[in-house]
PDB file of N, CA and C in Angstrom:
ATOM      1  N   UNK A   1      -8.357 -44.411 -34.505  1.00  0.00           N
ATOM      2  CA  UNK A   1      -7.504 -44.566 -33.360  1.00  0.00           C
ATOM      3  C   UNK A   1      -7.028 -43.189 -32.879  1.00  0.00           C
ATOM      4  N   UNK A   2      -7.106 -42.908 -31.562  1.00  0.00           N
ATOM      5  CA  UNK A   2      -6.648 -41.616 -31.060  1.00  0.00           C
ATOM      6  C   UNK A   2      -5.191 -41.724 -30.621  1.00  0.00           C
ATOM      7  N   UNK A   3      -4.523 -40.585 -30.753  1.00  0.00           N
ATOM      8  CA  UNK A   3      -3.122 -40.546 -30.352  1.00  0.00           C
ATOM      9  C   UNK A   3      -3.022 -40.483 -28.837  1.00  0.00           C
ATOM     10  N   UNK A   4      -2.014 -41.130 -28.316  1.00  0.00           N
ATOM     11  CA  UNK A   4      -1.788 -41.112 -26.880  1.00  0.00           C
ATOM     12  C   UNK A   4      -1.165 -39.769 -26.487  1.00  0.00           C
ATOM     13  N   UNK A   5      -1.672 -39.152 -25.369  1.00  0.00           N
ATOM     14  CA  UNK A   5      -1.137 -37.877 -24.911  1.00  0.00           C
ATOM     15  C   UNK A   5       0.271 -38.059 -24.375  1.00  0.00           C
ATOM     16  N   UNK A   6       1.100 -37.107 -24.714  1.00  0.00           N
ATOM     17  CA  UNK A   6       2.461 -37.086 -24.197  1.00  0.00           C
ATOM     18  C   UNK A   6       2.431 -36.565 -22.764  1.00  0.00           C
ATOM     19  N   UNK A   7       3.207 -37.124 -21.881  1.00  0.00           N
ATOM     20  CA  UNK A   7       3.261 -36.588 -20.520  1.00  0.00           C
ATOM     21  C   UNK A   7       3.891 -35.188 -20.539  1.00  0.00           C
ATOM     22  N   UNK A   8       3.382 -34.330 -19.689  1.00  0.00           N
ATOM     23  CA  UNK A   8       3.898 -32.953 -19.624  1.00  0.00           C
ATOM     24  C   UNK A   8       5.020 -32.911 -18.600  1.00  0.00           C
ATOM     25  N   UNK A   9       6.111 -32.310 -19.006  1.00  0.00           N
ATOM     26  CA  UNK A   9       7.263 -32.161 -18.127  1.00  0.00           C
ATOM     27  C   UNK A   9       6.868 -31.280 -16.950  1.00  0.00           C
ATOM     28  N   UNK A  10       7.192 -31.694 -15.733  1.00  0.00           N
ATOM     29  CA  UNK A  10       6.770 -30.987 -14.525  1.00  0.00           C
ATOM     30  C   UNK A  10       7.306 -29.557 -14.465  1.00  0.00           C
ATOM     31  N   UNK A  11       8.504 -29.330 -14.924  1.00  0.00           N
ATOM     32  CA  UNK A  11       9.074 -27.981 -14.915  1.00  0.00           C
ATOM     33  C   UNK A  11       8.269 -27.063 -15.832  1.00  0.00           C
ATOM     34  N   UNK A  12       7.958 -27.570 -17.014  1.00  0.00           N
ATOM     35  CA  UNK A  12       7.168 -26.814 -17.980  1.00  0.00           C
ATOM     36  C   UNK A  12       5.793 -26.495 -17.398  1.00  0.00           C
ATOM     37  N   UNK A  13       5.141 -27.476 -16.829  1.00  0.00           N
ATOM     38  CA  UNK A  13       3.828 -27.291 -16.237  1.00  0.00           C
ATOM     39  C   UNK A  13       3.894 -26.269 -15.104  1.00  0.00           C
ATOM     40  N   UNK A  14       4.918 -26.358 -14.282  1.00  0.00           N
ATOM     41  CA  UNK A  14       5.099 -25.403 -13.185  1.00  0.00           C
ATOM     42  C   UNK A  14       5.258 -23.986 -13.685  1.00  0.00           C
ATOM     43  N   UNK A  15       6.011 -23.810 -14.776  1.00  0.00           N
ATOM     44  CA  UNK A  15       6.198 -22.472 -15.351  1.00  0.00           C
ATOM     45  C   UNK A  15       4.878 -21.921 -15.896  1.00  0.00           C
ATOM     46  N   UNK A  16       4.115 -22.773 -16.561  1.00  0.00           N
ATOM     47  CA  UNK A  16       2.819 -22.361 -17.100  1.00  0.00           C
ATOM     48  C   UNK A  16       1.883 -21.950 -15.960  1.00  0.00           C
ATOM     49  N   UNK A  17       1.853 -22.741 -14.896  1.00  0.00           N
ATOM     50  CA  UNK A  17       0.997 -22.416 -13.748  1.00  0.00           C
ATOM     51  C   UNK A  17       1.426 -21.104 -13.100  1.00  0.00           C
ATOM     52  N   UNK A  18       2.724 -20.867 -13.018  1.00  0.00           N
ATOM     53  CA  UNK A  18       3.221 -19.621 -12.429  1.00  0.00           C
ATOM     54  C   UNK A  18       2.806 -18.419 -13.275  1.00  0.00           C
ATOM     55  N   UNK A  19       2.846 -18.538 -14.580  1.00  0.00           N
ATOM     56  CA  UNK A  19       2.393 -17.454 -15.471  1.00  0.00           C
ATOM     57  C   UNK A  19       0.919 -17.147 -15.205  1.00  0.00           C
ATOM     58  N   UNK A  20       0.122 -18.185 -15.118  1.00  0.00           N
ATOM     59  CA  UNK A  20      -1.317 -18.006 -14.867  1.00  0.00           C
ATOM     60  C   UNK A  20      -1.541 -17.377 -13.497  1.00  0.00           C
ATOM     61  N   UNK A  21      -0.881 -17.907 -12.464  1.00  0.00           N
ATOM     62  CA  UNK A  21      -1.056 -17.389 -11.107  1.00  0.00           C
ATOM     63  C   UNK A  21      -0.602 -15.931 -10.991  1.00  0.00           C
ATOM     64  N   UNK A  22       0.539 -15.608 -11.590  1.00  0.00           N
ATOM     65  CA  UNK A  22       1.047 -14.234 -11.535  1.00  0.00           C
ATOM     66  C   UNK A  22       0.087 -13.277 -12.254  1.00  0.00           C
ATOM     67  N   UNK A  23      -0.438 -13.709 -13.373  1.00  0.00           N
ATOM     68  CA  UNK A  23      -1.385 -12.865 -14.105  1.00  0.00           C
ATOM     69  C   UNK A  23      -2.657 -12.631 -13.299  1.00  0.00           C
ATOM     70  N   UNK A  24      -3.117 -13.656 -12.629  1.00  0.00           N
ATOM     71  CA  UNK A  24      -4.309 -13.502 -11.789  1.00  0.00           C
ATOM     72  C   UNK A  24      -4.047 -12.537 -10.633  1.00  0.00           C
ATOM     73  N   UNK A  25      -2.885 -12.655 -10.002  1.00  0.00           N
ATOM     74  CA  UNK A  25      -2.547 -11.741  -8.900  1.00  0.00           C
ATOM     75  C   UNK A  25      -2.475 -10.303  -9.406  1.00  0.00           C
ATOM     76  N   UNK A  26      -1.853 -10.120 -10.550  1.00  0.00           N
ATOM     77  CA  UNK A  26      -1.745  -8.775 -11.126  1.00  0.00           C
ATOM     78  C   UNK A  26      -3.111  -8.218 -11.488  1.00  0.00           C
ATOM     79  N   UNK A  27      -3.987  -9.054 -11.994  1.00  0.00           N
ATOM     80  CA  UNK A  27      -5.336  -8.608 -12.350  1.00  0.00           C
ATOM     81  C   UNK A  27      -6.086  -8.136 -11.107  1.00  0.00           C
ATOM     82  N   UNK A  28      -5.976  -8.865 -10.026  1.00  0.00           N
ATOM     83  CA  UNK A  28      -6.647  -8.478  -8.777  1.00  0.00           C
ATOM     84  C   UNK A  28      -6.090  -7.153  -8.284  1.00  0.00           C
ATOM     85  N   UNK A  29      -4.762  -6.999  -8.305  1.00  0.00           N
ATOM     86  CA  UNK A  29      -4.154  -5.738  -7.871  1.00  0.00           C
ATOM     87  C   UNK A  29      -4.598  -4.586  -8.755  1.00  0.00           C
ATOM     88  N   UNK A  30      -4.680  -4.813 -10.059  1.00  0.00           N
ATOM     89  CA  UNK A  30      -5.112  -3.764 -10.983  1.00  0.00           C
ATOM     90  C   UNK A  30      -6.549  -3.346 -10.706  1.00  0.00           C
ATOM     91  N   UNK A  31      -7.406  -4.313 -10.492  1.00  0.00           N
ATOM     92  CA  UNK A  31      -8.809  -4.013 -10.195  1.00  0.00           C
ATOM     93  C   UNK A  31      -8.901  -3.252  -8.877  1.00  0.00           C
ATOM     94  N   UNK A  32      -8.161  -3.689  -7.867  1.00  0.00           N
ATOM     95  CA  UNK A  32      -8.176  -2.997  -6.576  1.00  0.00           C
ATOM     96  C   UNK A  32      -7.708  -1.557  -6.724  1.00  0.00           C
ATOM     97  N   UNK A  33      -6.638  -1.345  -7.470  1.00  0.00           N
ATOM     98  CA  UNK A  33      -6.117   0.010  -7.674  1.00  0.00           C
ATOM     99  C   UNK A  33      -7.138   0.864  -8.415  1.00  0.00           C
ATOM    100  N   UNK A  34      -7.801   0.299  -9.413  1.00  0.00           N
ATOM    101  CA  UNK A  34      -8.825   1.045 -10.162  1.00  0.00           C
ATOM    102  C   UNK A  34      -9.992   1.419  -9.258  1.00  0.00           C
ATOM    103  N   UNK A  35     -10.370   0.524  -8.364  1.00  0.00           N
ATOM    104  CA  UNK A  35     -11.449   0.841  -7.415  1.00  0.00           C
ATOM    105  C   UNK A  35     -11.036   1.968  -6.478  1.00  0.00           C
ATOM    106  N   UNK A  36      -9.809   1.924  -5.988  1.00  0.00           N
ATOM    107  CA  UNK A  36      -9.314   2.987  -5.114  1.00  0.00           C
ATOM    108  C   UNK A  36      -9.346   4.316  -5.861  1.00  0.00           C
ATOM    109  N   UNK A  37      -8.895   4.313  -7.107  1.00  0.00           N
ATOM    110  CA  UNK A  37      -8.921   5.536  -7.905  1.00  0.00           C
ATOM    111  C   UNK A  37     -10.355   6.027  -8.104  1.00  0.00           C
ATOM    112  N   UNK A  38     -11.263   5.115  -8.372  1.00  0.00           N
ATOM    113  CA  UNK A  38     -12.655   5.495  -8.576  1.00  0.00           C
ATOM    114  C   UNK A  38     -13.195   6.179  -7.323  1.00  0.00           C
ATOM    115  N   UNK A  39     -12.982   5.569  -6.149  1.00  0.00           N
ATOM    116  CA  UNK A  39     -13.483   6.166  -4.918  1.00  0.00           C
ATOM    117  C   UNK A  39     -12.822   7.506  -4.638  1.00  0.00           C
ATOM    118  N   UNK A  40     -11.548   7.648  -4.952  1.00  0.00           N
ATOM    119  CA  UNK A  40     -10.854   8.926  -4.780  1.00  0.00           C
ATOM    120  C   UNK A  40     -11.488   9.983  -5.672  1.00  0.00           C
ATOM    121  N   UNK A  41     -11.715   9.632  -6.945  1.00  0.00           N
ATOM    122  CA  UNK A  41     -12.322  10.593  -7.873  1.00  0.00           C
ATOM    123  C   UNK A  41     -13.752  10.944  -7.466  1.00  0.00           C
ATOM    124  N   UNK A  42     -14.505   9.958  -6.988  1.00  0.00           N
ATOM    125  CA  UNK A  42     -15.853  10.247  -6.495  1.00  0.00           C
ATOM    126  C   UNK A  42     -15.778  11.222  -5.314  1.00  0.00           C
ATOM    127  N   UNK A  43     -14.889  10.941  -4.386  1.00  0.00           N
ATOM    128  CA  UNK A  43     -14.724  11.815  -3.230  1.00  0.00           C
ATOM    129  C   UNK A  43     -14.335  13.223  -3.628  1.00  0.00           C
ATOM    130  N   UNK A  44     -13.440  13.325  -4.576  1.00  0.00           N
ATOM    131  CA  UNK A  44     -13.006  14.646  -5.057  1.00  0.00           C
ATOM    132  C   UNK A  44     -14.174  15.413  -5.652  1.00  0.00           C
ATOM    133  N   UNK A  45     -14.919  14.756  -6.496  1.00  0.00           N
ATOM    134  CA  UNK A  45     -16.035  15.433  -7.176  1.00  0.00           C
ATOM    135  C   UNK A  45     -17.132  15.817  -6.188  1.00  0.00           C
ATOM    136  N   UNK A  46     -17.433  14.935  -5.234  1.00  0.00           N
ATOM    137  CA  UNK A  46     -18.428  15.250  -4.201  1.00  0.00           C
ATOM    138  C   UNK A  46     -17.953  16.437  -3.372  1.00  0.00           C
ATOM    139  N   UNK A  47     -16.692  16.406  -2.971  1.00  0.00           N
ATOM    140  CA  UNK A  47     -16.129  17.493  -2.174  1.00  0.00           C
ATOM    141  C   UNK A  47     -16.210  18.815  -2.932  1.00  0.00           C
ATOM    142  N   UNK A  48     -15.843  18.790  -4.198  1.00  0.00           N
ATOM    143  CA  UNK A  48     -15.886  20.012  -4.999  1.00  0.00           C
ATOM    144  C   UNK A  48     -17.307  20.555  -5.105  1.00  0.00           C
ATOM    145  N   UNK A  49     -18.256  19.674  -5.327  1.00  0.00           N
ATOM    146  CA  UNK A  49     -19.650  20.104  -5.468  1.00  0.00           C
ATOM    147  C   UNK A  49     -20.196  20.637  -4.139  1.00  0.00           C
ATOM    148  N   UNK A  50     -19.864  19.961  -3.073  1.00  0.00           N
ATOM    149  CA  UNK A  50     -20.338  20.373  -1.747  1.00  0.00           C
ATOM    150  C   UNK A  50     -19.731  21.692  -1.310  1.00  0.00           C
ATOM    151  N   UNK A  51     -18.437  21.733  -1.339  1.00  0.00           N
ATOM    152  CA  UNK A  51     -17.715  22.846  -0.748  1.00  0.00           C
ATOM    153  C   UNK A  51     -17.754  24.101  -1.612  1.00  0.00           C
ATOM    154  N   UNK A  52     -17.610  23.911  -2.883  1.00  0.00           N
ATOM    155  CA  UNK A  52     -17.513  25.037  -3.818  1.00  0.00           C
ATOM    156  C   UNK A  52     -16.566  26.105  -3.278  1.00  0.00           C
ATOM    157  N   UNK A  53     -15.384  25.635  -2.865  1.00  0.00           N
ATOM    158  CA  UNK A  53     -14.345  26.542  -2.384  1.00  0.00           C
ATOM    159  C   UNK A  53     -14.457  26.915  -0.913  1.00  0.00           C
ATOM    160  N   UNK A  54     -15.456  26.439  -0.207  1.00  0.00           N
ATOM    161  CA  UNK A  54     -15.638  26.783   1.204  1.00  0.00           C
ATOM    162  C   UNK A  54     -15.050  25.691   2.089  1.00  0.00           C
ATOM    163  N   UNK A  55     -14.818  26.037   3.332  1.00  0.00           N
ATOM    164  CA  UNK A  55     -14.291  25.067   4.289  1.00  0.00           C
ATOM    165  C   UNK A  55     -15.359  24.076   4.726  1.00  0.00           C
ATOM    166  N   UNK A  56     -16.587  24.530   4.865  1.00  0.00           N
ATOM    167  CA  UNK A  56     -17.684  23.659   5.278  1.00  0.00           C
ATOM    168  C   UNK A  56     -18.770  23.681   4.217  1.00  0.00           C
ATOM    169  N   UNK A  57     -19.358  22.546   4.005  1.00  0.00           N
ATOM    170  CA  UNK A  57     -20.411  22.436   3.004  1.00  0.00           C
ATOM    171  C   UNK A  57     -21.719  22.998   3.533  1.00  0.00           C
ATOM    172  N   UNK A  58     -22.448  23.666   2.661  1.00  0.00           N
ATOM    173  CA  UNK A  58     -23.762  24.190   3.028  1.00  0.00           C
ATOM    174  C   UNK A  58     -24.821  23.103   2.928  1.00  0.00           C
ATOM    175  N   UNK A  59     -24.674  22.257   1.928  1.00  0.00           N
ATOM    176  CA  UNK A  59     -25.727  21.263   1.707  1.00  0.00           C
ATOM    177  C   UNK A  59     -25.156  19.866   1.482  1.00  0.00           C
ATOM    178  N   UNK A  60     -24.019  19.583   2.069  1.00  0.00           N
ATOM    179  CA  UNK A  60     -23.321  18.323   1.849  1.00  0.00           C
ATOM    180  C   UNK A  60     -24.119  17.088   2.210  1.00  0.00           C
ATOM    181  N   UNK A  61     -24.785  17.122   3.336  1.00  0.00           N
ATOM    182  CA  UNK A  61     -25.552  15.957   3.780  1.00  0.00           C
ATOM    183  C   UNK A  61     -26.641  15.624   2.774  1.00  0.00           C
ATOM    184  N   UNK A  62     -27.333  16.633   2.308  1.00  0.00           N
ATOM    185  CA  UNK A  62     -28.426  16.412   1.361  1.00  0.00           C
ATOM    186  C   UNK A  62     -27.890  15.938   0.013  1.00  0.00           C
ATOM    187  N   UNK A  63     -26.753  16.485  -0.385  1.00  0.00           N
ATOM    188  CA  UNK A  63     -26.160  16.097  -1.667  1.00  0.00           C
ATOM    189  C   UNK A  63     -25.831  14.606  -1.674  1.00  0.00           C
ATOM    190  N   UNK A  64     -25.183  14.130  -0.636  1.00  0.00           N
ATOM    191  CA  UNK A  64     -24.785  12.723  -0.572  1.00  0.00           C
ATOM    192  C   UNK A  64     -26.007  11.816  -0.502  1.00  0.00           C
ATOM    193  N   UNK A  65     -26.996  12.195   0.281  1.00  0.00           N
ATOM    194  CA  UNK A  65     -28.217  11.383   0.360  1.00  0.00           C
ATOM    195  C   UNK A  65     -28.908  11.302  -0.993  1.00  0.00           C
ATOM    196  N   UNK A  66     -28.996  12.427  -1.668  1.00  0.00           N
ATOM    197  CA  UNK A  66     -29.640  12.453  -2.989  1.00  0.00           C
ATOM    198  C   UNK A  66     -28.837  11.650  -4.006  1.00  0.00           C
ATOM    199  N   UNK A  67     -27.534  11.800  -3.955  1.00  0.00           N
ATOM    200  CA  UNK A  67     -26.662  11.071  -4.876  1.00  0.00           C
ATOM    201  C   UNK A  67     -26.776   9.566  -4.639  1.00  0.00           C
ATOM    202  N   UNK A  68     -26.750   9.157  -3.396  1.00  0.00           N
ATOM    203  CA  UNK A  68     -26.882   7.733  -3.057  1.00  0.00           C
ATOM    204  C   UNK A  68     -28.228   7.190  -3.537  1.00  0.00           C
ATOM    205  N   UNK A  69     -29.279   7.980  -3.384  1.00  0.00           N
ATOM    206  CA  UNK A  69     -30.611   7.541  -3.823  1.00  0.00           C
ATOM    207  C   UNK A  69     -30.649   7.306  -5.335  1.00  0.00           C
ATOM    208  N   UNK A  70     -29.855   8.052  -6.074  1.00  0.00           N
ATOM    209  CA  UNK A  70     -29.786   7.879  -7.530  1.00  0.00           C
ATOM    210  C   UNK A  70     -28.869   6.718  -7.930  1.00  0.00           C
ATOM    211  N   UNK A  71     -27.748   6.586  -7.257  1.00  0.00           N
ATOM    212  CA  UNK A  71     -26.733   5.606  -7.656  1.00  0.00           C
ATOM    213  C   UNK A  71     -26.998   4.191  -7.145  1.00  0.00           C
ATOM    214  N   UNK A  72     -27.451   4.075  -5.920  1.00  0.00           N
ATOM    215  CA  UNK A  72     -27.579   2.764  -5.282  1.00  0.00           C
ATOM    216  C   UNK A  72     -28.486   1.791  -6.044  1.00  0.00           C
ATOM    217  N   UNK A  73     -29.632   2.220  -6.544  1.00  0.00           N
ATOM    218  CA  UNK A  73     -30.470   1.261  -7.279  1.00  0.00           C
ATOM    219  C   UNK A  73     -29.785   0.700  -8.531  1.00  0.00           C
ATOM    220  N   UNK A  74     -28.967   1.518  -9.156  1.00  0.00           N
ATOM    221  CA  UNK A  74     -28.308   1.080 -10.391  1.00  0.00           C
ATOM    222  C   UNK A  74     -26.977   0.378 -10.143  1.00  0.00           C
ATOM    223  N   UNK A  75     -26.207   0.848  -9.165  1.00  0.00           N
ATOM    224  CA  UNK A  75     -24.853   0.335  -8.952  1.00  0.00           C
ATOM    225  C   UNK A  75     -24.669  -0.490  -7.681  1.00  0.00           C
ATOM    226  N   UNK A  76     -25.658  -0.532  -6.814  1.00  0.00           N
ATOM    227  CA  UNK A  76     -25.574  -1.372  -5.629  1.00  0.00           C
ATOM    228  C   UNK A  76     -25.132  -0.637  -4.376  1.00  0.00           C
ATOM    229  N   UNK A  77     -25.001  -1.408  -3.304  1.00  0.00           N
ATOM    230  CA  UNK A  77     -24.748  -0.838  -1.982  1.00  0.00           C
ATOM    231  C   UNK A  77     -23.376  -0.169  -1.853  1.00  0.00           C
ATOM    232  N   UNK A  78     -22.478  -0.447  -2.740  1.00  0.00           N
ATOM    233  CA  UNK A  78     -21.168   0.208  -2.723  1.00  0.00           C
ATOM    234  C   UNK A  78     -21.250   1.690  -3.022  1.00  0.00           C
ATOM    235  N   UNK A  79     -22.448   2.168  -3.310  1.00  0.00           N
ATOM    236  CA  UNK A  79     -22.634   3.578  -3.640  1.00  0.00           C
ATOM    237  C   UNK A  79     -23.713   4.198  -2.767  1.00  0.00           C
ATOM    238  N   UNK A  80     -23.858   3.643  -1.561  1.00  0.00           N
ATOM    239  CA  UNK A  80     -24.801   4.175  -0.589  1.00  0.00           C
ATOM    240  C   UNK A  80     -24.216   5.378   0.130  1.00  0.00           C
ATOM    241  N   UNK A  81     -24.999   5.941   1.016  1.00  0.00           N
ATOM    242  CA  UNK A  81     -24.601   7.145   1.757  1.00  0.00           C
ATOM    243  C   UNK A  81     -23.269   6.929   2.474  1.00  0.00           C
ATOM    244  N   UNK A  82     -23.171   5.836   3.173  1.00  0.00           N
ATOM    245  CA  UNK A  82     -21.961   5.576   3.967  1.00  0.00           C
ATOM    246  C   UNK A  82     -20.704   5.519   3.095  1.00  0.00           C
ATOM    247  N   UNK A  83     -20.788   4.804   1.966  1.00  0.00           N
ATOM    248  CA  UNK A  83     -19.612   4.684   1.094  1.00  0.00           C
ATOM    249  C   UNK A  83     -19.272   6.022   0.442  1.00  0.00           C
ATOM    250  N   UNK A  84     -20.271   6.787   0.063  1.00  0.00           N
ATOM    251  CA  UNK A  84     -20.016   8.095  -0.540  1.00  0.00           C
ATOM    252  C   UNK A  84     -19.384   9.047   0.475  1.00  0.00           C
ATOM    253  N   UNK A  85     -19.829   8.965   1.724  1.00  0.00           N
ATOM    254  CA  UNK A  85     -19.202   9.768   2.776  1.00  0.00           C
ATOM    255  C   UNK A  85     -17.744   9.347   2.972  1.00  0.00           C
ATOM    256  N   UNK A  86     -17.503   8.048   2.928  1.00  0.00           N
ATOM    257  CA  UNK A  86     -16.127   7.546   3.050  1.00  0.00           C
ATOM    258  C   UNK A  86     -15.267   8.005   1.871  1.00  0.00           C
ATOM    259  N   UNK A  87     -15.842   8.029   0.693  1.00  0.00           N
ATOM    260  CA  UNK A  87     -15.101   8.485  -0.489  1.00  0.00           C
ATOM    261  C   UNK A  87     -14.690   9.947  -0.322  1.00  0.00           C
ATOM    262  N   UNK A  88     -15.620  10.761   0.149  1.00  0.00           N
ATOM    263  CA  UNK A  88     -15.312  12.177   0.389  1.00  0.00           C
ATOM    264  C   UNK A  88     -14.212  12.302   1.438  1.00  0.00           C
ATOM    265  N   UNK A  89     -14.336  11.541   2.519  1.00  0.00           N
ATOM    266  CA  UNK A  89     -13.338  11.576   3.583  1.00  0.00           C
ATOM    267  C   UNK A  89     -11.977  11.107   3.062  1.00  0.00           C
ATOM    268  N   UNK A  90     -11.988  10.086   2.228  1.00  0.00           N
ATOM    269  CA  UNK A  90     -10.767   9.551   1.622  1.00  0.00           C
ATOM    270  C   UNK A  90     -10.063  10.623   0.795  1.00  0.00           C
ATOM    271  N   UNK A  91     -10.838  11.338  -0.006  1.00  0.00           N
ATOM    272  CA  UNK A  91     -10.253  12.416  -0.808  1.00  0.00           C
ATOM    273  C   UNK A  91      -9.681  13.507   0.096  1.00  0.00           C
ATOM    274  N   UNK A  92     -10.408  13.838   1.149  1.00  0.00           N
ATOM    275  CA  UNK A  92      -9.929  14.899   2.048  1.00  0.00           C
ATOM    276  C   UNK A  92      -8.643  14.479   2.746  1.00  0.00           C
ATOM    277  N   UNK A  93      -8.483  13.192   3.014  1.00  0.00           N
ATOM    278  CA  UNK A  93      -7.277  12.679   3.644  1.00  0.00           C
ATOM    279  C   UNK A  93      -6.099  12.696   2.672  1.00  0.00           C
ATOM    280  N   UNK A  94      -6.381  12.393   1.398  1.00  0.00           N
ATOM    281  CA  UNK A  94      -5.349  12.360   0.354  1.00  0.00           C
ATOM    282  C   UNK A  94      -5.775  13.246  -0.816  1.00  0.00           C
ATOM    283  N   UNK A  95      -5.737  14.564  -0.651  1.00  0.00           N
ATOM    284  CA  UNK A  95      -6.211  15.441  -1.728  1.00  0.00           C
ATOM    285  C   UNK A  95      -5.283  15.498  -2.941  1.00  0.00           C
ATOM    286  N   UNK A  96      -4.071  15.014  -2.783  1.00  0.00           N
ATOM    287  CA  UNK A  96      -3.117  15.036  -3.896  1.00  0.00           C
ATOM    288  C   UNK A  96      -2.949  13.611  -4.411  1.00  0.00           C
ATOM    289  N   UNK A  97      -3.296  13.410  -5.673  1.00  0.00           N
ATOM    290  CA  UNK A  97      -3.316  12.055  -6.252  1.00  0.00           C
ATOM    291  C   UNK A  97      -1.948  11.381  -6.180  1.00  0.00           C
ATOM    292  N   UNK A  98      -0.875  12.124  -6.387  1.00  0.00           N
ATOM    293  CA  UNK A  98       0.454  11.501  -6.364  1.00  0.00           C
ATOM    294  C   UNK A  98       0.802  10.991  -4.967  1.00  0.00           C
ATOM    295  N   UNK A  99       0.325  11.681  -3.928  1.00  0.00           N
ATOM    296  CA  UNK A  99       0.537  11.218  -2.559  1.00  0.00           C
ATOM    297  C   UNK A  99      -0.171   9.898  -2.335  1.00  0.00           C
ATOM    298  N   UNK A 100      -1.388   9.812  -2.846  1.00  0.00           N
ATOM    299  CA  UNK A 100      -2.161   8.571  -2.740  1.00  0.00           C
ATOM    300  C   UNK A 100      -1.430   7.441  -3.446  1.00  0.00           C
ATOM    301  N   UNK A 101      -0.973   7.704  -4.646  1.00  0.00           N
ATOM    302  CA  UNK A 101      -0.276   6.675  -5.423  1.00  0.00           C
ATOM    303  C   UNK A 101       0.967   6.188  -4.678  1.00  0.00           C
ATOM    304  N   UNK A 102       1.685   7.103  -4.049  1.00  0.00           N
ATOM    305  CA  UNK A 102       2.873   6.756  -3.269  1.00  0.00           C
ATOM    306  C   UNK A 102       2.490   5.868  -2.088  1.00  0.00           C
ATOM    307  N   UNK A 103       1.406   6.199  -1.406  1.00  0.00           N
ATOM    308  CA  UNK A 103       0.959   5.416  -0.262  1.00  0.00           C
ATOM    309  C   UNK A 103       0.544   3.999  -0.684  1.00  0.00           C
ATOM    310  N   UNK A 104      -0.052   3.878  -1.853  1.00  0.00           N
ATOM    311  CA  UNK A 104      -0.511   2.574  -2.315  1.00  0.00           C
ATOM    312  C   UNK A 104       0.632   1.676  -2.770  1.00  0.00           C
ATOM    313  N   UNK A 105       1.704   2.272  -3.234  1.00  0.00           N
ATOM    314  CA  UNK A 105       2.840   1.467  -3.668  1.00  0.00           C
ATOM    315  C   UNK A 105       3.580   0.981  -2.452  1.00  0.00           C
TER     316      UNK A 105
END
């Protein structure tokens, strides 16, 4: 003979659902923030390699195209020429990480 399930109190169930929902929202925000940081770091590194201390890159266009050709097959379209250019532009817009963090909060 199986035991009959006890009914769950609605308040208790609501609290449990809120814990789950809040955790899911926080997880999405954390992932989004990590992606923003990743693109910022990619932009910084691309900018550093391109510019090497100069105002204009000597071979920036070729660098991004070559990098995209290496990354895109393994990591997907989020690492194509256009996204890498956006990452570089993003870093140039927010070259100081603490400023970026302030803007995101």
